[in-house]
Amino acid sequence: MGKLIQDGVIPTLEKIRQIIHVDAKSGAKFCTLRETKKLSNLIYHIKESDNMKNRLFDLLNEMWAAIIESYEFDILKNTISFELKTIDNGYENKYKVVFEGVTAWYFVENTGDERLNIKANVEEDDYLELTSIDFYMGGIGEIKPSSIKEDWVNQYYSNANFALEIWDALLLIEANSIIINGNKYPVT
């Protein structure tokens, strides 16, 4: 199923309509035995795709308010990794999250001019919190730097499909897949 999603062969209502035929005289809907098998396969993959999406959303929700124990941006391998810890009702949960096929990322420390008021000294007991993490199926929309002075900057753009709040900061990531505790979720 992951291969189907990775290759962009996600079943759609249009594909189902192509399999089902309508009798011109009676208006009855039918399909051949071979097409019935195709239809059954498409429905199976739709359900599996929905299950995968639901599981991904559930896992991301579990990570809200997690402590970021470590992180790594590997530009050469196009990955961003996090090791997270949550404590829920006294139980500690660990998550290893790897964004693969990262094609763009954008970080801003805070909103508006507040982004300029960064903390100069990090104290021993300071930590980072993954306040929230969300996945957007079609992306959040085009992100494009704009410059009047430097025209070459205007050729770059992206469409992040993950948004991570880290305290008051925002990290937007455009990635092909996410791996959570060894389970891969293709998202493009």
N, C-alpha and C. Protein backbone atom coordinates (compact mmCIF):
# COMPACT_ATOMS: atom_id res chain seq x y z
N MET A 1 0.81 -1.18 0.00
CA MET A 1 0.00 0.00 0.00
C MET A 1 0.86 1.25 0.00
N GLY A 2 1.94 1.24 0.79
CA GLY A 2 2.85 2.38 0.83
C GLY A 2 3.42 2.69 -0.54
N LYS A 3 3.73 1.64 -1.32
CA LYS A 3 4.26 1.81 -2.66
C LYS A 3 3.23 2.50 -3.55
N LEU A 4 1.96 2.13 -3.41
CA LEU A 4 0.91 2.77 -4.20
C LEU A 4 0.84 4.26 -3.91
N ILE A 5 0.88 4.61 -2.62
CA ILE A 5 0.81 6.02 -2.25
C ILE A 5 2.06 6.74 -2.72
N GLN A 6 3.22 6.10 -2.55
CA GLN A 6 4.49 6.71 -2.94
C GLN A 6 4.49 7.01 -4.44
N ASP A 7 3.94 6.11 -5.25
CA ASP A 7 3.91 6.29 -6.69
C ASP A 7 2.77 7.19 -7.13
N GLY A 8 1.98 7.70 -6.19
CA GLY A 8 0.88 8.58 -6.53
C GLY A 8 -0.32 7.84 -7.09
N VAL A 9 -0.47 6.55 -6.84
CA VAL A 9 -1.56 5.76 -7.36
C VAL A 9 -2.62 5.59 -6.27
N ILE A 10 -2.99 6.68 -5.64
CA ILE A 10 -4.02 6.62 -4.61
C ILE A 10 -5.37 6.54 -5.30
N PRO A 11 -6.19 5.55 -4.93
CA PRO A 11 -7.48 5.38 -5.57
C PRO A 11 -8.38 6.59 -5.34
N THR A 12 -9.13 6.95 -6.36
CA THR A 12 -10.04 8.07 -6.26
C THR A 12 -11.41 7.66 -6.76
N LEU A 13 -12.40 8.48 -6.47
CA LEU A 13 -13.75 8.23 -6.94
C LEU A 13 -13.77 8.18 -8.47
N GLU A 14 -12.97 9.00 -9.12
CA GLU A 14 -12.91 9.01 -10.59
C GLU A 14 -12.45 7.66 -11.12
N LYS A 15 -11.45 7.06 -10.48
CA LYS A 15 -10.97 5.74 -10.93
C LYS A 15 -12.06 4.69 -10.75
N ILE A 16 -12.83 4.80 -9.69
CA ILE A 16 -13.92 3.85 -9.47
C ILE A 16 -14.98 4.03 -10.55
N ARG A 17 -15.27 5.28 -10.89
CA ARG A 17 -16.26 5.55 -11.95
C ARG A 17 -15.82 4.96 -13.29
N GLN A 18 -14.52 4.92 -13.54
CA GLN A 18 -14.02 4.36 -14.80
C GLN A 18 -14.24 2.86 -14.87
N ILE A 19 -14.32 2.20 -13.73
CA ILE A 19 -14.50 0.75 -13.69
C ILE A 19 -15.98 0.37 -13.82
N ILE A 20 -16.84 1.16 -13.22
CA ILE A 20 -18.27 0.85 -13.24
C ILE A 20 -18.89 1.40 -14.52
N HIS A 21 -19.62 0.54 -15.22
CA HIS A 21 -20.28 0.92 -16.46
C HIS A 21 -21.78 1.10 -16.20
N VAL A 22 -22.42 1.92 -17.01
CA VAL A 22 -23.87 2.13 -16.89
C VAL A 22 -24.51 1.66 -18.18
N ASP A 23 -25.51 0.78 -18.05
CA ASP A 23 -26.26 0.28 -19.21
C ASP A 23 -27.07 1.43 -19.79
N ALA A 24 -26.94 1.65 -21.11
CA ALA A 24 -27.59 2.78 -21.77
C ALA A 24 -29.11 2.70 -21.69
N LYS A 25 -29.66 1.49 -21.79
CA LYS A 25 -31.12 1.34 -21.79
C LYS A 25 -31.71 1.39 -20.39
N SER A 26 -31.19 0.58 -19.49
CA SER A 26 -31.81 0.44 -18.17
C SER A 26 -31.22 1.39 -17.13
N GLY A 27 -30.02 1.89 -17.37
CA GLY A 27 -29.36 2.74 -16.40
C GLY A 27 -28.71 1.94 -15.27
N ALA A 28 -28.77 0.60 -15.39
CA ALA A 28 -28.18 -0.26 -14.35
C ALA A 28 -26.66 -0.12 -14.36
N LYS A 29 -26.09 -0.18 -13.19
CA LYS A 29 -24.63 -0.09 -13.05
C LYS A 29 -24.07 -1.50 -12.91
N PHE A 30 -22.99 -1.76 -13.64
CA PHE A 30 -22.39 -3.09 -13.60
C PHE A 30 -20.91 -2.99 -13.91
N CYS A 31 -20.20 -4.08 -13.65
CA CYS A 31 -18.82 -4.23 -14.06
C CYS A 31 -18.53 -5.71 -14.22
N THR A 32 -17.51 -6.01 -15.04
CA THR A 32 -17.16 -7.40 -15.30
C THR A 32 -16.52 -8.01 -14.06
N LEU A 33 -16.36 -9.33 -14.06
CA LEU A 33 -15.72 -10.01 -12.93
C LEU A 33 -14.31 -9.47 -12.72
N ARG A 34 -13.57 -9.30 -13.81
CA ARG A 34 -12.21 -8.75 -13.72
C ARG A 34 -12.23 -7.34 -13.13
N GLU A 35 -13.18 -6.52 -13.58
CA GLU A 35 -13.30 -5.16 -13.07
C GLU A 35 -13.77 -5.16 -11.62
N THR A 36 -14.57 -6.16 -11.24
CA THR A 36 -15.01 -6.28 -9.85
C THR A 36 -13.81 -6.50 -8.94
N LYS A 37 -12.87 -7.32 -9.40
CA LYS A 37 -11.65 -7.55 -8.62
C LYS A 37 -10.84 -6.25 -8.50
N LYS A 38 -10.77 -5.49 -9.60
CA LYS A 38 -10.08 -4.20 -9.58
C LYS A 38 -10.75 -3.26 -8.58
N LEU A 39 -12.08 -3.23 -8.64
CA LEU A 39 -12.84 -2.36 -7.75
C LEU A 39 -12.62 -2.76 -6.29
N SER A 40 -12.64 -4.04 -6.03
CA SER A 40 -12.41 -4.54 -4.68
C SER A 40 -11.01 -4.13 -4.19
N ASN A 41 -10.04 -4.24 -5.07
CA ASN A 41 -8.66 -3.86 -4.74
C ASN A 41 -8.58 -2.35 -4.46
N LEU A 42 -9.25 -1.54 -5.28
CA LEU A 42 -9.25 -0.09 -5.05
C LEU A 42 -9.87 0.26 -3.70
N ILE A 43 -11.00 -0.36 -3.39
CA ILE A 43 -11.68 -0.09 -2.12
C ILE A 43 -10.79 -0.49 -0.95
N TYR A 44 -10.11 -1.63 -1.09
CA TYR A 44 -9.18 -2.07 -0.04
C TYR A 44 -8.09 -1.02 0.19
N HIS A 45 -7.52 -0.50 -0.92
CA HIS A 45 -6.44 0.48 -0.78
C HIS A 45 -6.94 1.82 -0.25
N ILE A 46 -8.18 2.17 -0.56
CA ILE A 46 -8.75 3.38 0.01
C ILE A 46 -8.85 3.22 1.53
N LYS A 47 -9.37 2.08 1.98
CA LYS A 47 -9.49 1.83 3.42
C LYS A 47 -8.13 1.81 4.08
N GLU A 48 -7.14 1.15 3.46
CA GLU A 48 -5.78 1.11 4.02
C GLU A 48 -5.17 2.49 4.09
N SER A 49 -5.40 3.29 3.03
CA SER A 49 -4.87 4.65 3.01
C SER A 49 -5.49 5.47 4.13
N ASP A 50 -6.80 5.33 4.33
CA ASP A 50 -7.48 6.04 5.41
C ASP A 50 -6.96 5.58 6.77
N ASN A 51 -6.75 4.26 6.93
CA ASN A 51 -6.20 3.74 8.18
C ASN A 51 -4.83 4.32 8.46
N MET A 52 -3.98 4.40 7.40
CA MET A 52 -2.64 4.95 7.56
C MET A 52 -2.71 6.41 7.97
N LYS A 53 -3.57 7.19 7.30
CA LYS A 53 -3.70 8.60 7.62
C LYS A 53 -4.20 8.78 9.06
N ASN A 54 -5.20 7.98 9.44
CA ASN A 54 -5.73 8.08 10.80
C ASN A 54 -4.67 7.73 11.83
N ARG A 55 -3.89 6.68 11.56
CA ARG A 55 -2.82 6.29 12.49
C ARG A 55 -1.77 7.39 12.59
N LEU A 56 -1.42 7.99 11.45
CA LEU A 56 -0.44 9.07 11.46
C LEU A 56 -0.96 10.25 12.28
N PHE A 57 -2.21 10.65 12.06
CA PHE A 57 -2.78 11.76 12.83
C PHE A 57 -2.81 11.44 14.32
N ASP A 58 -3.17 10.20 14.67
CA ASP A 58 -3.18 9.80 16.08
C ASP A 58 -1.79 9.89 16.70
N LEU A 59 -0.79 9.39 15.98
CA LEU A 59 0.58 9.45 16.50
C LEU A 59 1.06 10.89 16.68
N LEU A 60 0.77 11.73 15.70
CA LEU A 60 1.19 13.13 15.81
C LEU A 60 0.52 13.80 17.01
N ASN A 61 -0.75 13.49 17.23
CA ASN A 61 -1.45 14.06 18.38
C ASN A 61 -0.83 13.60 19.70
N GLU A 62 -0.36 12.36 19.75
CA GLU A 62 0.30 11.84 20.96
C GLU A 62 1.57 12.61 21.29
N MET A 63 2.19 13.22 20.29
CA MET A 63 3.47 13.90 20.48
C MET A 63 3.34 15.35 20.92
N TRP A 64 2.13 15.88 20.96
CA TRP A 64 1.95 17.26 21.40
C TRP A 64 2.49 17.42 22.82
N ALA A 65 3.17 18.51 23.07
CA ALA A 65 3.77 18.85 24.37
C ALA A 65 4.91 17.90 24.75
N ALA A 66 5.54 17.28 23.76
CA ALA A 66 6.68 16.40 24.02
C ALA A 66 7.94 17.23 24.30
N ILE A 67 8.81 16.67 25.09
CA ILE A 67 10.12 17.26 25.32
C ILE A 67 11.03 16.80 24.18
N ILE A 68 11.69 17.76 23.54
CA ILE A 68 12.63 17.44 22.47
C ILE A 68 13.97 17.13 23.13
N GLU A 69 14.33 15.85 23.13
CA GLU A 69 15.59 15.45 23.77
C GLU A 69 16.78 15.68 22.85
N SER A 70 16.58 15.52 21.55
CA SER A 70 17.64 15.81 20.58
C SER A 70 17.02 16.03 19.21
N TYR A 71 17.77 16.69 18.36
CA TYR A 71 17.32 16.92 16.99
C TYR A 71 18.54 17.03 16.07
N GLU A 72 18.31 16.74 14.79
CA GLU A 72 19.40 16.79 13.82
C GLU A 72 18.84 17.18 12.46
N PHE A 73 19.48 18.13 11.82
CA PHE A 73 19.18 18.52 10.46
C PHE A 73 20.33 18.01 9.60
N ASP A 74 20.07 17.04 8.74
CA ASP A 74 21.12 16.49 7.88
C ASP A 74 20.81 16.93 6.44
N ILE A 75 21.44 18.01 6.03
CA ILE A 75 21.17 18.60 4.72
C ILE A 75 21.64 17.67 3.61
N LEU A 76 22.73 16.96 3.81
CA LEU A 76 23.24 16.04 2.80
C LEU A 76 22.29 14.88 2.55
N LYS A 77 21.71 14.32 3.62
CA LYS A 77 20.80 13.18 3.48
C LYS A 77 19.33 13.59 3.35
N ASN A 78 19.07 14.89 3.39
CA ASN A 78 17.70 15.42 3.29
C ASN A 78 16.78 14.86 4.36
N THR A 79 17.27 14.87 5.60
CA THR A 79 16.46 14.39 6.72
C THR A 79 16.48 15.39 7.87
N ILE A 80 15.42 15.36 8.64
CA ILE A 80 15.34 16.08 9.91
C ILE A 80 14.85 15.07 10.92
N SER A 81 15.58 14.94 12.03
CA SER A 81 15.25 13.91 13.03
C SER A 81 15.03 14.54 14.40
N PHE A 82 14.13 13.93 15.14
CA PHE A 82 13.85 14.34 16.52
C PHE A 82 13.76 13.10 17.40
N GLU A 83 14.26 13.21 18.61
CA GLU A 83 13.99 12.23 19.65
C GLU A 83 13.15 12.95 20.69
N LEU A 84 11.97 12.39 20.94
CA LEU A 84 10.98 13.05 21.78
C LEU A 84 10.61 12.18 22.97
N LYS A 85 10.14 12.84 24.02
CA LYS A 85 9.66 12.13 25.21
C LYS A 85 8.39 12.81 25.68
N THR A 86 7.36 11.99 25.93
CA THR A 86 6.14 12.50 26.55
C THR A 86 5.93 11.77 27.87
N ILE A 87 5.26 12.43 28.77
CA ILE A 87 4.87 11.79 30.02
C ILE A 87 3.37 11.98 30.14
N ASP A 88 2.65 10.86 30.13
CA ASP A 88 1.21 10.88 30.15
C ASP A 88 0.71 9.99 31.29
N ASN A 89 0.08 10.59 32.27
CA ASN A 89 -0.40 9.86 33.46
C ASN A 89 0.72 9.05 34.12
N GLY A 90 1.90 9.64 34.19
CA GLY A 90 3.03 8.99 34.84
C GLY A 90 3.80 8.03 33.96
N TYR A 91 3.30 7.76 32.74
CA TYR A 91 3.99 6.84 31.82
C TYR A 91 4.82 7.63 30.82
N GLU A 92 6.07 7.20 30.65
CA GLU A 92 6.97 7.85 29.73
C GLU A 92 6.90 7.15 28.36
N ASN A 93 6.73 7.93 27.31
CA ASN A 93 6.71 7.41 25.95
C ASN A 93 7.83 8.08 25.17
N LYS A 94 8.55 7.30 24.38
CA LYS A 94 9.64 7.82 23.56
C LYS A 94 9.25 7.71 22.08
N TYR A 95 9.65 8.70 21.31
CA TYR A 95 9.38 8.71 19.88
C TYR A 95 10.65 9.10 19.15
N LYS A 96 10.97 8.34 18.11
CA LYS A 96 12.05 8.69 17.19
C LYS A 96 11.35 9.08 15.89
N VAL A 97 11.46 10.34 15.52
CA VAL A 97 10.77 10.87 14.34
C VAL A 97 11.80 11.30 13.32
N VAL A 98 11.66 10.81 12.10
CA VAL A 98 12.57 11.18 11.02
C VAL A 98 11.74 11.62 9.82
N PHE A 99 11.96 12.85 9.39
CA PHE A 99 11.37 13.33 8.15
C PHE A 99 12.35 12.99 7.04
N GLU A 100 11.88 12.25 6.03
CA GLU A 100 12.74 11.85 4.91
C GLU A 100 12.34 12.59 3.64
N GLY A 101 13.30 12.72 2.74
CA GLY A 101 13.03 13.40 1.49
C GLY A 101 12.65 14.85 1.74
N VAL A 102 13.35 15.48 2.67
CA VAL A 102 13.06 16.88 3.00
C VAL A 102 13.55 17.75 1.85
N THR A 103 12.62 18.47 1.26
CA THR A 103 12.96 19.34 0.14
C THR A 103 12.98 20.81 0.54
N ALA A 104 12.39 21.12 1.70
CA ALA A 104 12.42 22.51 2.18
C ALA A 104 12.07 22.52 3.67
N TRP A 105 12.63 23.49 4.36
CA TRP A 105 12.24 23.75 5.74
C TRP A 105 12.42 25.23 6.01
N TYR A 106 11.57 25.72 6.88
CA TYR A 106 11.54 27.14 7.19
C TYR A 106 11.35 27.28 8.69
N PHE A 107 12.21 28.03 9.34
CA PHE A 107 12.14 28.22 10.79
C PHE A 107 12.04 29.70 11.09
N VAL A 108 11.13 30.05 11.96
CA VAL A 108 11.03 31.43 12.45
C VAL A 108 10.85 31.36 13.96
N GLU A 109 11.63 32.16 14.68
CA GLU A 109 11.71 32.08 16.15
C GLU A 109 10.43 32.51 16.85
N ASN A 110 9.70 33.46 16.32
CA ASN A 110 8.48 33.94 16.96
C ASN A 110 7.69 34.72 15.93
N THR A 111 6.57 35.31 16.31
CA THR A 111 5.76 36.06 15.36
C THR A 111 6.21 37.51 15.29
N GLY A 112 6.02 38.12 14.14
CA GLY A 112 6.32 39.54 13.95
C GLY A 112 7.69 39.93 14.43
N ASP A 113 7.78 41.11 15.04
CA ASP A 113 9.06 41.61 15.55
C ASP A 113 9.53 40.88 16.79
N GLU A 114 8.65 40.11 17.42
CA GLU A 114 9.04 39.31 18.59
C GLU A 114 10.15 38.32 18.24
N ARG A 115 10.24 37.94 16.97
CA ARG A 115 11.27 36.98 16.55
C ARG A 115 12.68 37.53 16.78
N LEU A 116 12.80 38.83 16.91
CA LEU A 116 14.11 39.47 17.10
C LEU A 116 14.55 39.45 18.57
N ASN A 117 13.66 39.13 19.49
CA ASN A 117 13.97 39.13 20.92
C ASN A 117 14.37 37.73 21.36
N ILE A 118 15.49 37.25 20.89
CA ILE A 118 15.93 35.90 21.25
C ILE A 118 16.70 35.91 22.55
N LYS A 119 16.63 34.79 23.23
CA LYS A 119 17.31 34.63 24.51
C LYS A 119 18.80 34.39 24.26
N ALA A 120 19.64 35.21 24.89
CA ALA A 120 21.08 35.13 24.65
C ALA A 120 21.73 33.95 25.39
N ASN A 121 21.26 33.68 26.60
CA ASN A 121 21.89 32.62 27.40
C ASN A 121 20.92 31.46 27.61
N VAL A 122 21.42 30.27 27.41
CA VAL A 122 20.64 29.07 27.66
C VAL A 122 21.04 28.54 29.03
N GLU A 123 20.06 28.34 29.88
CA GLU A 123 20.35 27.85 31.22
C GLU A 123 20.29 26.33 31.25
N GLU A 124 20.89 25.76 32.28
CA GLU A 124 21.04 24.31 32.38
C GLU A 124 19.71 23.55 32.33
N ASP A 125 18.68 24.10 32.94
CA ASP A 125 17.40 23.39 32.98
C ASP A 125 16.45 23.78 31.83
N ASP A 126 16.92 24.58 30.87
CA ASP A 126 16.10 24.92 29.70
C ASP A 126 15.93 23.70 28.80
N TYR A 127 14.81 23.63 28.15
CA TYR A 127 14.55 22.54 27.21
C TYR A 127 13.62 23.04 26.12
N LEU A 128 13.51 22.27 25.07
CA LEU A 128 12.60 22.58 23.98
C LEU A 128 11.36 21.71 24.08
N GLU A 129 10.21 22.31 23.83
CA GLU A 129 8.96 21.55 23.84
C GLU A 129 8.38 21.56 22.43
N LEU A 130 8.00 20.39 21.96
CA LEU A 130 7.25 20.30 20.73
C LEU A 130 5.80 20.58 21.11
N THR A 131 5.43 21.84 21.02
CA THR A 131 4.10 22.26 21.46
C THR A 131 3.01 21.60 20.64
N SER A 132 3.19 21.56 19.32
CA SER A 132 2.23 20.87 18.45
C SER A 132 2.94 20.41 17.19
N ILE A 133 2.36 19.41 16.54
CA ILE A 133 2.85 18.92 15.26
C ILE A 133 1.64 18.51 14.44
N ASP A 134 1.55 19.04 13.22
CA ASP A 134 0.40 18.78 12.36
C ASP A 134 0.86 18.42 10.95
N PHE A 135 0.06 17.57 10.31
CA PHE A 135 0.29 17.17 8.92
C PHE A 135 -0.84 17.72 8.06
N TYR A 136 -0.49 18.29 6.91
CA TYR A 136 -1.45 18.85 5.96
C TYR A 136 -1.31 18.09 4.64
N MET A 137 -2.35 17.32 4.30
CA MET A 137 -2.31 16.43 3.14
C MET A 137 -1.85 17.16 1.86
N GLY A 138 -2.44 18.26 1.53
CA GLY A 138 -2.06 18.98 0.30
C GLY A 138 -1.05 20.08 0.55
N GLY A 139 -0.51 20.14 1.74
CA GLY A 139 0.42 21.21 2.09
C GLY A 139 -0.34 22.42 2.60
N ILE A 140 0.38 23.37 3.18
CA ILE A 140 -0.26 24.56 3.75
C ILE A 140 -0.43 25.67 2.72
N GLY A 141 0.14 25.49 1.54
CA GLY A 141 0.11 26.52 0.51
C GLY A 141 1.53 26.97 0.22
N GLU A 142 1.69 27.65 -0.87
CA GLU A 142 3.02 28.04 -1.33
C GLU A 142 3.71 28.98 -0.35
N ILE A 143 4.96 28.63 -0.05
CA ILE A 143 5.83 29.48 0.76
C ILE A 143 6.91 29.97 -0.20
N LYS A 144 7.02 31.27 -0.33
CA LYS A 144 7.96 31.80 -1.32
C LYS A 144 8.63 33.04 -0.76
N PRO A 145 9.97 33.00 -0.66
CA PRO A 145 10.66 34.23 -0.26
C PRO A 145 10.52 35.27 -1.37
N SER A 146 10.46 36.50 -0.98
CA SER A 146 10.28 37.58 -1.95
C SER A 146 11.31 38.66 -1.66
N SER A 147 11.98 39.12 -2.71
CA SER A 147 12.98 40.16 -2.54
C SER A 147 12.93 41.14 -3.71
N ILE A 148 12.86 42.40 -3.37
CA ILE A 148 12.91 43.44 -4.40
C ILE A 148 14.35 43.67 -4.83
N LYS A 149 15.29 43.57 -3.88
CA LYS A 149 16.70 43.85 -4.15
C LYS A 149 17.42 42.69 -4.83
N GLU A 150 17.12 41.47 -4.42
CA GLU A 150 17.84 40.30 -4.91
C GLU A 150 16.87 39.40 -5.69
N ASP A 151 16.81 39.58 -6.98
CA ASP A 151 15.85 38.88 -7.83
C ASP A 151 16.05 37.36 -7.82
N TRP A 152 17.29 36.89 -7.66
CA TRP A 152 17.58 35.45 -7.70
C TRP A 152 16.84 34.69 -6.60
N VAL A 153 16.51 35.37 -5.50
CA VAL A 153 15.81 34.74 -4.38
C VAL A 153 14.40 34.31 -4.79
N ASN A 154 13.81 35.02 -5.72
CA ASN A 154 12.41 34.79 -6.09
C ASN A 154 12.17 33.47 -6.82
N GLN A 155 13.20 32.74 -7.19
CA GLN A 155 13.02 31.47 -7.89
C GLN A 155 12.71 30.30 -6.95
N TYR A 156 12.84 30.51 -5.65
CA TYR A 156 12.65 29.44 -4.67
C TYR A 156 11.24 29.47 -4.10
N TYR A 157 10.68 28.29 -3.91
CA TYR A 157 9.37 28.16 -3.27
C TYR A 157 9.21 26.74 -2.75
N SER A 158 8.23 26.56 -1.89
CA SER A 158 7.93 25.22 -1.36
C SER A 158 6.48 25.20 -0.90
N ASN A 159 6.04 24.02 -0.47
CA ASN A 159 4.69 23.85 0.06
C ASN A 159 4.79 22.86 1.22
N ALA A 160 5.05 23.38 2.40
CA ALA A 160 5.27 22.52 3.57
C ALA A 160 4.03 21.69 3.88
N ASN A 161 4.27 20.41 4.23
CA ASN A 161 3.14 19.55 4.61
C ASN A 161 3.17 19.20 6.10
N PHE A 162 4.17 19.69 6.83
CA PHE A 162 4.22 19.52 8.28
C PHE A 162 4.47 20.87 8.93
N ALA A 163 3.77 21.14 10.03
CA ALA A 163 3.98 22.35 10.81
C ALA A 163 4.25 21.94 12.26
N LEU A 164 5.39 22.38 12.77
CA LEU A 164 5.78 22.06 14.15
C LEU A 164 5.93 23.36 14.93
N GLU A 165 5.21 23.48 16.02
CA GLU A 165 5.40 24.59 16.94
C GLU A 165 6.36 24.13 18.01
N ILE A 166 7.40 24.89 18.22
CA ILE A 166 8.38 24.61 19.27
C ILE A 166 8.40 25.84 20.16
N TRP A 167 7.72 25.72 21.30
CA TRP A 167 7.39 26.88 22.13
C TRP A 167 6.70 27.91 21.25
N ASP A 168 7.27 29.12 21.10
CA ASP A 168 6.65 30.16 20.28
C ASP A 168 7.20 30.19 18.86
N ALA A 169 8.07 29.26 18.53
CA ALA A 169 8.68 29.21 17.20
C ALA A 169 7.88 28.30 16.28
N LEU A 170 8.15 28.41 14.99
CA LEU A 170 7.47 27.61 13.99
C LEU A 170 8.49 26.99 13.05
N LEU A 171 8.37 25.68 12.83
CA LEU A 171 9.20 24.98 11.87
C LEU A 171 8.26 24.34 10.85
N LEU A 172 8.38 24.77 9.61
CA LEU A 172 7.59 24.19 8.52
C LEU A 172 8.50 23.27 7.73
N ILE A 173 8.01 22.07 7.40
CA ILE A 173 8.81 21.07 6.70
C ILE A 173 8.03 20.54 5.50
N GLU A 174 8.71 20.48 4.37
CA GLU A 174 8.17 19.81 3.19
C GLU A 174 8.96 18.51 3.05
N ALA A 175 8.27 17.37 3.21
CA ALA A 175 8.95 16.07 3.21
C ALA A 175 8.13 15.04 2.44
N ASN A 176 8.82 14.02 1.93
CA ASN A 176 8.16 12.94 1.20
C ASN A 176 7.58 11.88 2.13
N SER A 177 8.19 11.71 3.30
CA SER A 177 7.69 10.70 4.24
C SER A 177 8.14 11.06 5.64
N ILE A 178 7.49 10.41 6.60
CA ILE A 178 7.84 10.55 8.01
C ILE A 178 7.94 9.15 8.58
N ILE A 179 8.98 8.91 9.36
CA ILE A 179 9.16 7.62 10.04
C ILE A 179 8.99 7.89 11.53
N ILE A 180 8.07 7.14 12.16
CA ILE A 180 7.84 7.28 13.60
C ILE A 180 8.08 5.92 14.24
N ASN A 181 9.11 5.88 15.09
CA ASN A 181 9.49 4.63 15.77
C ASN A 181 9.62 3.46 14.78
N GLY A 182 10.24 3.73 13.64
CA GLY A 182 10.53 2.68 12.67
C GLY A 182 9.43 2.43 11.65
N ASN A 183 8.24 3.01 11.82
CA ASN A 183 7.14 2.83 10.88
C ASN A 183 7.10 4.01 9.92
N LYS A 184 7.18 3.69 8.62
CA LYS A 184 7.25 4.73 7.58
C LYS A 184 5.86 5.07 7.06
N TYR A 185 5.61 6.38 6.93
CA TYR A 185 4.35 6.89 6.39
C TYR A 185 4.66 7.78 5.20
N PRO A 186 4.54 7.27 3.96
CA PRO A 186 4.72 8.12 2.78
C PRO A 186 3.59 9.15 2.74
N VAL A 187 3.91 10.40 2.45
CA VAL A 187 2.90 11.45 2.52
C VAL A 187 2.79 12.27 1.24
N THR A 188 3.50 11.91 0.21
CA THR A 188 3.38 12.65 -1.05
C THR A 188 2.75 11.80 -2.11
